[in-house]
Amino acid sequence: MANQIQFFGMSQMTIGSCSDFHTRVNNFITTATPAALHIESQAAAYATAVETLASIVNRERAFVSTKALREADQVRDSAAGVISQVINACLTSPVAERRAAAQLLDAKMASYRGIRNHEYTKQTAEVRGMLVMLDAQAEAVDTLGLSLEVEALREANATFDTQYYARTAESGARKAQSNVKSSEVIEQVNKLYNEIVMLVNAYAVVQPTDAINTFIGNVNGAVAAFSRIAGSSTSGNGEIGEGEAPDPELPGDGDGGDDGESPDPIV
């Protein structure tokens, strides 16, 4: 009797197990060579689908730039806070020159009060405007001894802006991955696998070779192991074994889009 690759309930595997199974089968194909298995046209598409599936097992969520963004935002918040506090404190200074400088800057700063609570990109633009205003009032800033705080604010805002560009680049780079629906990828890779199995099984009947028989033995070893993981039995006729549980919801399924960020997340 000809060797045949067994079928099992692949749909019951988690996305991680599914990826591991197909990666192993793809390695068996590479070892045997697609030509020896008579699956040249299917092997390339299968390998691509297996690679795509592996890339979405654990989708990237966090951003490398997160820490730098938070640190830069904290610095600019602190710098802006100190500037406001000093101006407010000097409104009642007994030194007329300092009191006058504080009164001038207090009026100029009125448009920027509370910007630390604003959405990050809005705050970045507002701080740019604040810095232009403070530069125009350099004499009053010097009188209150706030030059170092102004420069710290300028540097932190520039750092935040640079890091936000880096975050945007990260987001763009992973957009293709986030748009992939795991259920569609799994359906595609399973379909390609089944096509390969049917072809190999057919050649095992009409034109068996050592390469084909070795491949069938390797795949059946994986089938035996993963059918236990999936909790299903195997079948030689292409039918799923009995005693299967209903298909579980696959981890990672959904619309594949972004996570619905709030206006000001640093994830």
Protein backbone atom coordinates (compact mmCIF):
# COMPACT_ATOMS: atom_id res chain seq x y z
CA MET A 1 0.00 0.00 0.00
CA ALA A 2 1.35 3.44 -0.96
CA ASN A 3 2.49 5.83 1.74
CA GLN A 4 0.09 8.74 2.21
CA ILE A 5 0.25 11.97 4.19
CA GLN A 6 -2.42 11.92 6.89
CA PHE A 7 -4.96 14.69 7.34
CA PHE A 8 -5.91 16.23 10.69
CA GLY A 9 -7.92 19.11 12.16
CA MET A 10 -5.54 21.97 11.38
CA SER A 11 -8.26 24.54 11.96
CA GLN A 12 -8.16 23.73 15.67
CA MET A 13 -4.57 24.88 16.13
CA THR A 14 -3.68 28.26 17.58
CA ILE A 15 -1.97 30.70 15.25
CA GLY A 16 1.37 29.91 16.89
CA SER A 17 1.01 26.15 16.50
CA CYS A 18 -0.24 26.59 12.95
CA SER A 19 2.83 28.67 12.10
CA ASP A 20 5.18 26.14 13.71
CA PHE A 21 3.60 23.23 11.84
CA HIS A 22 3.79 24.90 8.44
CA THR A 23 7.34 26.10 9.07
CA ARG A 24 8.39 22.51 9.73
CA VAL A 25 6.63 21.25 6.61
CA ASN A 26 8.25 24.00 4.55
CA ASN A 27 11.64 22.90 5.87
CA PHE A 28 10.86 19.32 4.83
CA ILE A 29 10.02 20.61 1.34
CA THR A 30 13.31 22.50 1.15
CA THR A 31 15.24 19.40 2.19
CA ALA A 32 13.47 17.13 -0.28
CA THR A 33 13.40 19.89 -2.97
CA PRO A 34 10.16 20.94 -4.68
CA ALA A 35 11.30 19.30 -7.92
CA ALA A 36 11.64 15.88 -6.31
CA LEU A 37 8.14 16.25 -4.87
CA HIS A 38 6.67 17.59 -8.14
CA ILE A 39 5.34 20.72 -6.43
CA GLU A 40 7.49 23.47 -7.97
CA SER A 41 4.58 25.82 -8.70
CA GLN A 42 3.01 25.37 -5.24
CA ALA A 43 6.21 25.46 -3.13
CA ALA A 44 7.09 29.12 -3.72
CA ALA A 45 3.61 30.38 -2.86
CA TYR A 46 3.51 28.12 0.19
CA ALA A 47 6.88 29.38 1.45
CA THR A 48 5.70 32.99 1.09
CA ALA A 49 2.46 32.27 2.96
CA VAL A 50 4.38 30.48 5.72
CA GLU A 51 6.70 33.48 6.10
CA THR A 52 3.73 35.87 6.28
CA LEU A 53 2.07 33.72 8.92
CA ALA A 54 5.25 33.67 11.01
CA SER A 55 5.45 37.46 10.86
CA ILE A 56 2.04 37.95 12.51
CA VAL A 57 2.23 35.36 15.28
CA ASN A 58 3.29 38.15 17.62
CA ARG A 59 2.56 41.50 16.07
CA GLU A 60 4.66 44.44 17.17
CA ARG A 61 2.70 46.84 19.38
CA ALA A 62 5.16 48.95 21.34
CA PHE A 63 7.43 51.57 19.80
CA VAL A 64 11.19 51.85 20.25
CA SER A 65 10.84 55.63 20.50
CA THR A 66 8.40 55.48 23.41
CA LYS A 67 10.89 56.05 26.22
CA ALA A 68 12.63 58.96 24.48
CA LEU A 69 9.28 60.61 23.74
CA ARG A 70 8.16 60.39 27.34
CA GLU A 71 11.45 61.70 28.66
CA ALA A 72 11.49 64.64 26.25
CA ASP A 73 7.89 65.49 27.09
CA GLN A 74 8.62 65.43 30.81
CA VAL A 75 11.58 67.78 30.35
CA ARG A 76 9.63 70.30 28.33
CA ASP A 77 6.72 70.13 30.80
CA SER A 78 9.14 70.79 33.65
CA ALA A 79 10.85 73.65 31.82
CA ALA A 80 7.53 75.29 30.91
CA GLY A 81 6.32 74.82 34.48
CA VAL A 82 9.40 76.49 35.99
CA ILE A 83 9.12 79.41 33.57
CA SER A 84 5.48 79.95 34.51
CA GLN A 85 6.15 79.62 38.24
CA VAL A 86 9.02 82.11 38.22
CA ILE A 87 6.98 84.62 36.25
CA ASN A 88 4.07 84.23 38.65
CA ALA A 89 6.31 84.55 41.71
CA CYS A 90 7.97 87.70 40.41
CA LEU A 91 4.65 89.49 39.84
CA THR A 92 4.91 90.62 43.45
CA SER A 93 8.69 91.10 43.51
CA PRO A 94 9.85 94.12 45.54
CA VAL A 95 12.38 94.74 42.76
CA ALA A 96 10.62 96.99 40.26
CA GLU A 97 12.66 95.81 37.28
CA ARG A 98 11.88 92.16 37.96
CA ARG A 99 8.23 92.94 38.69
CA ALA A 100 7.90 94.78 35.37
CA ALA A 101 9.54 91.91 33.47
CA ALA A 102 7.20 89.44 35.14
CA GLN A 103 4.14 91.52 34.31
CA LEU A 104 5.23 91.71 30.65
CA LEU A 105 5.87 87.97 30.35
CA ASP A 106 2.72 87.09 32.28
CA ALA A 107 0.63 88.88 29.66
CA LYS A 108 2.57 87.26 26.82
CA MET A 109 2.25 83.79 28.38
CA ALA A 110 -1.53 83.98 28.75
CA SER A 111 -2.07 82.17 25.44
CA TYR A 112 0.11 79.26 26.52
CA ARG A 113 -1.33 78.41 29.91
CA GLY A 114 -2.32 74.78 30.30
CA ILE A 115 -0.53 73.54 27.18
CA ARG A 116 1.08 70.73 29.18
CA ASN A 117 -2.33 69.02 29.17
CA HIS A 118 -2.74 69.26 25.42
CA GLU A 119 -2.27 66.47 22.88
CA TYR A 120 1.41 65.88 22.16
CA THR A 121 1.66 67.21 18.62
CA LYS A 122 -0.47 70.24 19.49
CA GLN A 123 1.80 70.93 22.44
CA THR A 124 4.86 70.69 20.19
CA ALA A 125 3.47 73.38 17.90
CA GLU A 126 2.43 75.55 20.84
CA VAL A 127 5.86 75.33 22.45
CA ARG A 128 7.39 76.48 19.17
CA GLY A 129 5.16 79.54 19.36
CA MET A 130 6.05 80.10 23.01
CA LEU A 131 9.76 79.98 22.19
CA VAL A 132 9.35 82.58 19.45
CA MET A 133 7.59 84.84 21.94
CA LEU A 134 10.22 84.30 24.65
CA ASP A 135 13.02 84.99 22.20
CA ALA A 136 11.33 88.27 21.31
CA GLN A 137 11.24 89.13 25.03
CA ALA A 138 14.85 88.09 25.67
CA GLU A 139 15.57 91.08 27.91
CA ALA A 140 12.67 90.25 30.26
CA VAL A 141 13.67 86.58 30.23
CA ASP A 142 17.24 87.52 31.24
CA THR A 143 15.96 89.81 33.95
CA LEU A 144 14.10 86.91 35.56
CA GLY A 145 17.06 84.57 35.05
CA LEU A 146 15.11 82.16 32.86
CA SER A 147 17.52 81.84 29.92
CA LEU A 148 18.64 78.32 30.85
CA GLU A 149 15.06 77.12 31.27
CA VAL A 150 14.13 78.55 27.88
CA GLU A 151 17.04 76.73 26.23
CA ALA A 152 16.10 73.50 28.03
CA LEU A 153 12.55 73.91 26.72
CA ARG A 154 13.85 74.48 23.20
CA GLU A 155 16.09 71.42 23.29
CA ALA A 156 13.41 69.15 24.76
CA ASN A 157 10.83 70.25 22.19
CA ALA A 158 13.28 69.60 19.35
CA THR A 159 14.10 66.18 20.79
CA PHE A 160 10.42 65.31 21.10
CA ASP A 161 9.80 66.39 17.51
CA THR A 162 12.68 64.22 16.25
CA GLN A 163 11.51 61.21 18.21
CA TYR A 164 7.95 61.65 17.00
CA TYR A 165 9.19 61.49 13.40
CA ALA A 166 10.97 58.25 14.35
CA ARG A 167 7.73 56.91 15.84
CA THR A 168 5.85 57.79 12.65
CA ALA A 169 8.46 55.91 10.62
CA GLU A 170 8.07 52.88 12.91
CA SER A 171 4.32 52.99 12.51
CA GLY A 172 4.58 53.17 8.74
CA ALA A 173 7.03 50.28 8.61
CA ARG A 174 4.66 47.95 10.45
CA LYS A 175 1.48 49.14 8.71
CA ALA A 176 1.59 46.31 6.18
CA GLN A 177 1.80 43.79 9.02
CA SER A 178 -1.00 45.35 11.04
CA ASN A 179 -3.35 45.23 8.03
CA VAL A 180 -2.93 41.47 7.61
CA LYS A 181 -5.86 39.40 8.85
CA SER A 182 -4.57 36.25 10.52
CA SER A 183 -7.67 34.24 9.58
CA GLU A 184 -7.09 34.97 5.88
CA VAL A 185 -3.41 34.05 6.07
CA ILE A 186 -4.18 30.79 7.87
CA GLU A 187 -6.85 29.93 5.32
CA GLN A 188 -4.40 30.57 2.49
CA VAL A 189 -1.51 28.59 3.97
CA ASN A 190 -3.78 25.65 4.83
CA LYS A 191 -5.19 25.64 1.32
CA LEU A 192 -1.73 25.59 -0.24
CA TYR A 193 -0.65 22.85 2.15
CA ASN A 194 -3.64 20.71 1.19
CA GLU A 195 -2.83 21.15 -2.50
CA ILE A 196 0.74 20.01 -1.84
CA VAL A 197 -0.48 17.01 0.17
CA MET A 198 -2.84 15.90 -2.58
CA LEU A 199 -0.11 16.15 -5.23
CA VAL A 200 2.48 14.33 -3.16
CA ASN A 201 -0.03 11.62 -2.22
CA ALA A 202 -0.91 11.17 -5.88
CA TYR A 203 2.73 10.78 -6.92
CA ALA A 204 3.27 8.40 -4.00
CA VAL A 205 0.76 6.11 -5.69
CA VAL A 206 1.79 6.38 -9.33
CA GLN A 207 5.47 7.27 -9.09
CA PRO A 208 6.89 6.68 -5.60
CA THR A 209 10.50 7.59 -4.85
CA ASP A 210 12.72 7.56 -1.78
CA ALA A 211 12.51 11.36 -1.61
CA ILE A 212 8.71 11.28 -1.67
CA ASN A 213 8.46 8.49 0.91
CA THR A 214 10.95 10.24 3.21
CA PHE A 215 8.99 13.48 2.90
CA ILE A 216 5.72 11.69 3.68
CA GLY A 217 7.27 10.08 6.74
CA ASN A 218 8.57 13.44 8.00
CA VAL A 219 5.25 15.21 7.47
CA ASN A 220 3.30 12.37 9.11
CA GLY A 221 5.58 12.67 12.13
CA ALA A 222 4.65 16.35 12.39
CA VAL A 223 0.97 15.52 11.79
CA ALA A 224 1.01 13.01 14.63
CA ALA A 225 2.55 15.53 17.03
CA PHE A 226 0.38 18.49 16.05
CA SER A 227 -2.87 16.51 15.90
CA ARG A 228 -2.34 15.80 19.61
CA ILE A 229 -1.74 19.51 20.21
CA ALA A 230 -4.89 20.36 18.25
CA GLY A 231 -6.88 17.65 20.05
CA SER A 232 -8.02 15.97 16.83
CA SER A 233 -7.55 12.57 15.26
CA THR A 234 -5.96 11.88 11.89
CA SER A 235 -7.51 10.48 8.74
CA GLY A 236 -6.07 9.14 5.52
CA ASN A 237 -8.97 10.04 3.26
CA GLY A 238 -8.81 13.81 3.50
CA GLU A 239 -11.55 14.00 6.11
CA ILE A 240 -11.01 15.59 9.50
CA GLY A 241 -10.95 13.04 12.31
CA GLU A 242 -13.86 12.60 14.67
CA GLY A 243 -14.13 14.05 18.13
CA GLU A 244 -13.15 17.57 17.19
CA ALA A 245 -14.09 20.58 19.24
CA PRO A 246 -15.60 23.56 17.42
CA ASP A 247 -13.02 25.83 15.86
CA PRO A 248 -11.70 28.23 18.50
CA GLU A 249 -11.41 31.88 17.81
CA LEU A 250 -7.93 32.41 16.46
CA PRO A 251 -5.72 34.72 18.54
CA GLY A 252 -4.94 37.90 16.68
CA ASP A 253 -8.05 37.80 14.48
CA GLY A 254 -9.98 40.95 13.89
CA ASP A 255 -9.72 43.79 11.48
CA GLY A 256 -5.93 43.80 11.66
CA GLY A 257 -5.87 47.55 11.97
CA ASP A 258 -4.36 49.80 14.59
CA ASP A 259 -5.45 49.49 18.16
CA GLY A 260 -7.65 52.58 18.30
CA GLU A 261 -5.21 54.93 19.95
CA SER A 262 -6.29 57.86 22.00
CA PRO A 263 -5.18 61.26 20.65
CA ASP A 264 -2.13 61.22 22.89
CA PRO A 265 -0.78 57.70 23.42
CA ILE A 266 2.84 56.79 23.86
CA VAL A 267 2.68 53.03 23.67
